[in-house]
Protein backbone atom coordinates (compact mmCIF):
# COMPACT_ATOMS: atom_id res chain seq x y z
CA UNK A 1 0.00 0.00 0.00
CA UNK A 2 1.27 3.51 -0.83
CA UNK A 3 0.94 5.84 2.16
CA UNK A 4 1.46 9.53 2.90
CA UNK A 5 1.97 10.70 6.48
CA UNK A 6 0.83 14.12 7.72
CA UNK A 7 2.60 14.98 10.97
CA UNK A 8 5.94 13.43 11.85
CA UNK A 9 6.14 13.91 15.60
CA UNK A 10 6.50 11.02 18.04
CA UNK A 11 3.29 9.24 17.02
CA UNK A 12 3.76 9.89 13.29
CA UNK A 13 7.26 8.45 13.46
CA UNK A 14 6.10 5.38 15.37
CA UNK A 15 3.30 4.71 12.89
CA UNK A 16 5.61 5.28 9.91
CA UNK A 17 8.23 2.92 11.31
CA UNK A 18 5.59 0.20 11.79
CA UNK A 19 4.26 0.72 8.27
CA UNK A 20 7.75 0.42 6.76
CA UNK A 21 8.46 -2.71 8.82
CA UNK A 22 5.26 -4.27 7.45
CA UNK A 23 6.30 -3.59 3.86
CA UNK A 24 4.16 -0.55 3.03
CA UNK A 25 5.56 2.12 0.71
CA UNK A 26 5.87 5.59 2.22
CA UNK A 27 5.40 8.07 -0.64
CA UNK A 28 5.39 11.33 1.32
CA UNK A 29 5.73 12.83 4.78
CA UNK A 30 4.65 16.35 5.76
CA UNK A 31 5.77 18.21 8.89
CA UNK A 32 6.48 21.83 9.88
CA UNK A 33 9.62 21.14 11.94
CA UNK A 34 12.42 22.90 10.05
CA UNK A 35 14.98 20.56 11.66
CA UNK A 36 13.65 17.59 9.69
CA UNK A 37 12.18 19.20 6.55
CA UNK A 38 14.31 18.11 3.58
CA UNK A 39 15.81 15.12 5.37
CA UNK A 40 15.23 11.54 4.27
CA UNK A 41 12.39 9.90 6.21
CA UNK A 42 14.43 6.76 6.86
CA UNK A 43 17.33 8.77 8.25
CA UNK A 44 14.99 10.61 10.63
CA UNK A 45 13.67 7.21 11.76
CA UNK A 46 17.17 5.77 12.08
CA UNK A 47 16.52 2.96 9.60
CA UNK A 48 18.56 4.20 6.63
CA UNK A 49 17.53 6.15 3.55
CA UNK A 50 14.26 5.24 1.85
CA UNK A 51 14.36 7.90 -0.86
CA UNK A 52 11.53 10.07 0.49
CA UNK A 53 12.16 13.51 1.98
CA UNK A 54 10.11 15.20 4.69
CA UNK A 55 8.19 18.10 3.11
CA UNK A 56 6.80 21.26 4.68
CA UNK A 57 3.58 21.14 2.64
CA UNK A 58 1.51 18.95 0.40
PDB file of N, CA and C in Angstrom:
ATOM      1  N   UNK A   1       0.838  -1.171   0.000  1.00  0.00           N
ATOM      2  CA  UNK A   1       0.000   0.000   0.000  1.00  0.00           C
ATOM      3  C   UNK A   1       0.891   1.245   0.000  1.00  0.00           C
ATOM      4  N   UNK A   2       0.536   2.242  -0.776  1.00  0.00           N
ATOM      5  CA  UNK A   2       1.266   3.515  -0.833  1.00  0.00           C
ATOM      6  C   UNK A   2       0.636   4.474   0.173  1.00  0.00           C
ATOM      7  N   UNK A   3       1.461   5.051   1.048  1.00  0.00           N
ATOM      8  CA  UNK A   3       0.937   5.843   2.160  1.00  0.00           C
ATOM      9  C   UNK A   3       1.674   7.167   2.284  1.00  0.00           C
ATOM     10  N   UNK A   4       0.907   8.227   2.559  1.00  0.00           N
ATOM     11  CA  UNK A   4       1.456   9.532   2.903  1.00  0.00           C
ATOM     12  C   UNK A   4       1.169   9.799   4.373  1.00  0.00           C
ATOM     13  N   UNK A   5       2.099  10.432   5.045  1.00  0.00           N
ATOM     14  CA  UNK A   5       1.971  10.699   6.483  1.00  0.00           C
ATOM     15  C   UNK A   5       1.951  12.206   6.693  1.00  0.00           C
ATOM     16  N   UNK A   6       0.950  12.691   7.412  1.00  0.00           N
ATOM     17  CA  UNK A   6       0.832  14.120   7.716  1.00  0.00           C
ATOM     18  C   UNK A   6       1.061  14.299   9.206  1.00  0.00           C
ATOM     19  N   UNK A   7       2.210  14.840   9.557  1.00  0.00           N
ATOM     20  CA  UNK A   7       2.604  14.984  10.966  1.00  0.00           C
ATOM     21  C   UNK A   7       3.635  13.922  11.305  1.00  0.00           C
ATOM     22  N   UNK A   8       4.839  14.366  11.638  1.00  0.00           N
ATOM     23  CA  UNK A   8       5.939  13.429  11.852  1.00  0.00           C
ATOM     24  C   UNK A   8       6.565  13.639  13.221  1.00  0.00           C
ATOM     25  N   UNK A   9       5.691  13.837  14.209  1.00  0.00           N
ATOM     26  CA  UNK A   9       6.141  13.906  15.595  1.00  0.00           C
ATOM     27  C   UNK A   9       6.318  12.491  16.125  1.00  0.00           C
ATOM     28  N   UNK A  10       6.255  12.331  17.422  1.00  0.00           N
ATOM     29  CA  UNK A  10       6.504  11.022  18.041  1.00  0.00           C
ATOM     30  C   UNK A  10       5.551   9.941  17.525  1.00  0.00           C
ATOM     31  N   UNK A  11       4.267  10.245  17.467  1.00  0.00           N
ATOM     32  CA  UNK A  11       3.287   9.245  17.023  1.00  0.00           C
ATOM     33  C   UNK A  11       3.422   8.988  15.521  1.00  0.00           C
ATOM     34  N   UNK A  12       3.583  10.047  14.732  1.00  0.00           N
ATOM     35  CA  UNK A  12       3.756   9.885  13.288  1.00  0.00           C
ATOM     36  C   UNK A  12       4.970   9.039  12.948  1.00  0.00           C
ATOM     37  N   UNK A  13       6.045   9.243  13.689  1.00  0.00           N
ATOM     38  CA  UNK A  13       7.261   8.451  13.456  1.00  0.00           C
ATOM     39  C   UNK A  13       7.049   6.994  13.836  1.00  0.00           C
ATOM     40  N   UNK A  14       6.373   6.758  14.947  1.00  0.00           N
ATOM     41  CA  UNK A  14       6.096   5.382  15.371  1.00  0.00           C
ATOM     42  C   UNK A  14       5.250   4.660  14.324  1.00  0.00           C
ATOM     43  N   UNK A  15       4.184   5.310  13.887  1.00  0.00           N
ATOM     44  CA  UNK A  15       3.298   4.707  12.891  1.00  0.00           C
ATOM     45  C   UNK A  15       4.055   4.455  11.584  1.00  0.00           C
ATOM     46  N   UNK A  16       4.850   5.425  11.159  1.00  0.00           N
ATOM     47  CA  UNK A  16       5.609   5.280   9.913  1.00  0.00           C
ATOM     48  C   UNK A  16       6.596   4.125  10.004  1.00  0.00           C
ATOM     49  N   UNK A  17       7.286   4.025  11.118  1.00  0.00           N
ATOM     50  CA  UNK A  17       8.229   2.917  11.306  1.00  0.00           C
ATOM     51  C   UNK A  17       7.502   1.568  11.200  1.00  0.00           C
ATOM     52  N   UNK A  18       6.355   1.451  11.840  1.00  0.00           N
ATOM     53  CA  UNK A  18       5.587   0.204  11.788  1.00  0.00           C
ATOM     54  C   UNK A  18       5.123  -0.100  10.365  1.00  0.00           C
ATOM     55  N   UNK A  19       4.693   0.923   9.651  1.00  0.00           N
ATOM     56  CA  UNK A  19       4.260   0.723   8.268  1.00  0.00           C
ATOM     57  C   UNK A  19       5.409   0.231   7.396  1.00  0.00           C
ATOM     58  N   UNK A  20       6.577   0.838   7.537  1.00  0.00           N
ATOM     59  CA  UNK A  20       7.752   0.418   6.758  1.00  0.00           C
ATOM     60  C   UNK A  20       8.122  -1.022   7.107  1.00  0.00           C
ATOM     61  N   UNK A  21       8.119  -1.347   8.388  1.00  0.00           N
ATOM     62  CA  UNK A  21       8.462  -2.709   8.820  1.00  0.00           C
ATOM     63  C   UNK A  21       7.505  -3.741   8.244  1.00  0.00           C
ATOM     64  N   UNK A  22       6.267  -3.348   7.988  1.00  0.00           N
ATOM     65  CA  UNK A  22       5.260  -4.266   7.454  1.00  0.00           C
ATOM     66  C   UNK A  22       5.212  -4.254   5.926  1.00  0.00           C
ATOM     67  N   UNK A  23       6.163  -3.539   5.305  1.00  0.00           N
ATOM     68  CA  UNK A  23       6.295  -3.592   3.857  1.00  0.00           C
ATOM     69  C   UNK A  23       5.509  -2.562   3.070  1.00  0.00           C
ATOM     70  N   UNK A  24       4.896  -1.586   3.737  1.00  0.00           N
ATOM     71  CA  UNK A  24       4.155  -0.550   3.026  1.00  0.00           C
ATOM     72  C   UNK A  24       5.119   0.487   2.456  1.00  0.00           C
ATOM     73  N   UNK A  25       4.723   1.116   1.373  1.00  0.00           N
ATOM     74  CA  UNK A  25       5.561   2.122   0.713  1.00  0.00           C
ATOM     75  C   UNK A  25       5.171   3.514   1.198  1.00  0.00           C
ATOM     76  N   UNK A  26       6.104   4.219   1.799  1.00  0.00           N
ATOM     77  CA  UNK A  26       5.874   5.593   2.223  1.00  0.00           C
ATOM     78  C   UNK A  26       6.198   6.488   1.031  1.00  0.00           C
ATOM     79  N   UNK A  27       5.204   7.247   0.558  1.00  0.00           N
ATOM     80  CA  UNK A  27       5.399   8.072  -0.636  1.00  0.00           C
ATOM     81  C   UNK A  27       5.535   9.555  -0.309  1.00  0.00           C
ATOM     82  N   UNK A  28       5.248   9.930   0.925  1.00  0.00           N
ATOM     83  CA  UNK A  28       5.393  11.326   1.318  1.00  0.00           C
ATOM     84  C   UNK A  28       5.184  11.497   2.803  1.00  0.00           C
ATOM     85  N   UNK A  29       5.885  12.477   3.369  1.00  0.00           N
ATOM     86  CA  UNK A  29       5.729  12.833   4.780  1.00  0.00           C
ATOM     87  C   UNK A  29       5.736  14.352   4.864  1.00  0.00           C
ATOM     88  N   UNK A  30       4.762  14.901   5.594  1.00  0.00           N
ATOM     89  CA  UNK A  30       4.649  16.348   5.757  1.00  0.00           C
ATOM     90  C   UNK A  30       4.783  16.697   7.230  1.00  0.00           C
ATOM     91  N   UNK A  31       5.614  17.710   7.522  1.00  0.00           N
ATOM     92  CA  UNK A  31       5.766  18.210   8.891  1.00  0.00           C
ATOM     93  C   UNK A  31       6.270  19.649   8.816  1.00  0.00           C
ATOM     94  N   UNK A  32       6.051  20.425   9.873  1.00  0.00           N
ATOM     95  CA  UNK A  32       6.479  21.828   9.880  1.00  0.00           C
ATOM     96  C   UNK A  32       7.803  22.047  10.595  1.00  0.00           C
ATOM     97  N   UNK A  33       8.359  21.010  11.186  1.00  0.00           N
ATOM     98  CA  UNK A  33       9.615  21.136  11.941  1.00  0.00           C
ATOM     99  C   UNK A  33      10.783  21.345  10.975  1.00  0.00           C
ATOM    100  N   UNK A  34      11.325  22.552  10.971  1.00  0.00           N
ATOM    101  CA  UNK A  34      12.419  22.896  10.051  1.00  0.00           C
ATOM    102  C   UNK A  34      13.659  22.022  10.241  1.00  0.00           C
ATOM    103  N   UNK A  35      13.805  21.410  11.410  1.00  0.00           N
ATOM    104  CA  UNK A  35      14.978  20.557  11.658  1.00  0.00           C
ATOM    105  C   UNK A  35      14.939  19.268  10.854  1.00  0.00           C
ATOM    106  N   UNK A  36      13.746  18.841  10.441  1.00  0.00           N
ATOM    107  CA  UNK A  36      13.648  17.590   9.685  1.00  0.00           C
ATOM    108  C   UNK A  36      13.179  17.778   8.254  1.00  0.00           C
ATOM    109  N   UNK A  37      12.618  18.945   7.925  1.00  0.00           N
ATOM    110  CA  UNK A  37      12.182  19.200   6.549  1.00  0.00           C
ATOM    111  C   UNK A  37      13.390  19.093   5.621  1.00  0.00           C
ATOM    112  N   UNK A  38      13.232  18.325   4.548  1.00  0.00           N
ATOM    113  CA  UNK A  38      14.307  18.112   3.579  1.00  0.00           C
ATOM    114  C   UNK A  38      15.166  16.893   3.855  1.00  0.00           C
ATOM    115  N   UNK A  39      15.027  16.326   5.043  1.00  0.00           N
ATOM    116  CA  UNK A  39      15.812  15.119   5.372  1.00  0.00           C
ATOM    117  C   UNK A  39      15.076  13.872   4.894  1.00  0.00           C
ATOM    118  N   UNK A  40      15.821  12.816   4.657  1.00  0.00           N
ATOM    119  CA  UNK A  40      15.233  11.543   4.265  1.00  0.00           C
ATOM    120  C   UNK A  40      14.460  10.949   5.442  1.00  0.00           C
ATOM    121  N   UNK A  41      13.262  10.470   5.173  1.00  0.00           N
ATOM    122  CA  UNK A  41      12.393   9.903   6.211  1.00  0.00           C
ATOM    123  C   UNK A  41      13.088   8.769   6.955  1.00  0.00           C
ATOM    124  N   UNK A  42      13.734   7.882   6.234  1.00  0.00           N
ATOM    125  CA  UNK A  42      14.430   6.761   6.861  1.00  0.00           C
ATOM    126  C   UNK A  42      15.549   7.207   7.777  1.00  0.00           C
ATOM    127  N   UNK A  43      16.267   8.254   7.387  1.00  0.00           N
ATOM    128  CA  UNK A  43      17.335   8.774   8.248  1.00  0.00           C
ATOM    129  C   UNK A  43      16.763   9.355   9.536  1.00  0.00           C
ATOM    130  N   UNK A  44      15.639  10.064   9.430  1.00  0.00           N
ATOM    131  CA  UNK A  44      14.993  10.608  10.633  1.00  0.00           C
ATOM    132  C   UNK A  44      14.570   9.470  11.559  1.00  0.00           C
ATOM    133  N   UNK A  45      14.102   8.370  10.971  1.00  0.00           N
ATOM    134  CA  UNK A  45      13.669   7.215  11.760  1.00  0.00           C
ATOM    135  C   UNK A  45      14.835   6.365  12.258  1.00  0.00           C
ATOM    136  N   UNK A  46      16.019   6.574  11.685  1.00  0.00           N
ATOM    137  CA  UNK A  46      17.172   5.774  12.081  1.00  0.00           C
ATOM    138  C   UNK A  46      17.220   4.407  11.432  1.00  0.00           C
ATOM    139  N   UNK A  47      16.562   4.267  10.274  1.00  0.00           N
ATOM    140  CA  UNK A  47      16.520   2.964   9.601  1.00  0.00           C
ATOM    141  C   UNK A  47      17.234   2.978   8.256  1.00  0.00           C
ATOM    142  N   UNK A  48      17.889   4.077   7.925  1.00  0.00           N
ATOM    143  CA  UNK A  48      18.560   4.196   6.633  1.00  0.00           C
ATOM    144  C   UNK A  48      17.658   4.845   5.598  1.00  0.00           C
ATOM    145  N   UNK A  49      18.273   5.399   4.576  1.00  0.00           N
ATOM    146  CA  UNK A  49      17.533   6.148   3.554  1.00  0.00           C
ATOM    147  C   UNK A  49      16.479   5.289   2.857  1.00  0.00           C
ATOM    148  N   UNK A  50      15.303   5.915   2.619  1.00  0.00           N
ATOM    149  CA  UNK A  50      14.260   5.236   1.855  1.00  0.00           C
ATOM    150  C   UNK A  50      13.900   6.012   0.593  1.00  0.00           C
ATOM    151  N   UNK A  51      14.586   7.144   0.365  1.00  0.00           N
ATOM    152  CA  UNK A  51      14.364   7.902  -0.859  1.00  0.00           C
ATOM    153  C   UNK A  51      13.171   8.836  -0.837  1.00  0.00           C
ATOM    154  N   UNK A  52      12.659   9.148   0.346  1.00  0.00           N
ATOM    155  CA  UNK A  52      11.534  10.074   0.494  1.00  0.00           C
ATOM    156  C   UNK A  52      11.943  11.146   1.490  1.00  0.00           C
ATOM    157  N   UNK A  53      11.799  12.409   1.092  1.00  0.00           N
ATOM    158  CA  UNK A  53      12.159  13.510   1.982  1.00  0.00           C
ATOM    159  C   UNK A  53      10.940  14.042   2.719  1.00  0.00           C
ATOM    160  N   UNK A  54      11.161  14.528   3.931  1.00  0.00           N
ATOM    161  CA  UNK A  54      10.109  15.203   4.694  1.00  0.00           C
ATOM    162  C   UNK A  54       9.854  16.550   4.026  1.00  0.00           C
ATOM    163  N   UNK A  55       8.583  16.847   3.748  1.00  0.00           N
ATOM    164  CA  UNK A  55       8.189  18.104   3.111  1.00  0.00           C
ATOM    165  C   UNK A  55       7.497  19.009   4.115  1.00  0.00           C
ATOM    166  N   UNK A  56       7.487  20.301   3.806  1.00  0.00           N
ATOM    167  CA  UNK A  56       6.799  21.259   4.677  1.00  0.00           C
ATOM    168  C   UNK A  56       5.331  21.401   4.295  1.00  0.00           C
ATOM    169  N   UNK A  57       4.967  21.024   3.096  1.00  0.00           N
ATOM    170  CA  UNK A  57       3.583  21.137   2.638  1.00  0.00           C
ATOM    171  C   UNK A  57       3.246  20.052   1.645  1.00  0.00           C
ATOM    172  N   UNK A  58       1.989  19.986   1.332  1.00  0.00           N
ATOM    173  CA  UNK A  58       1.507  18.952   0.404  1.00  0.00           C
ATOM    174  C   UNK A  58       1.817  19.343  -1.020  1.00  0.00           C
TER     175      UNK A  58
END
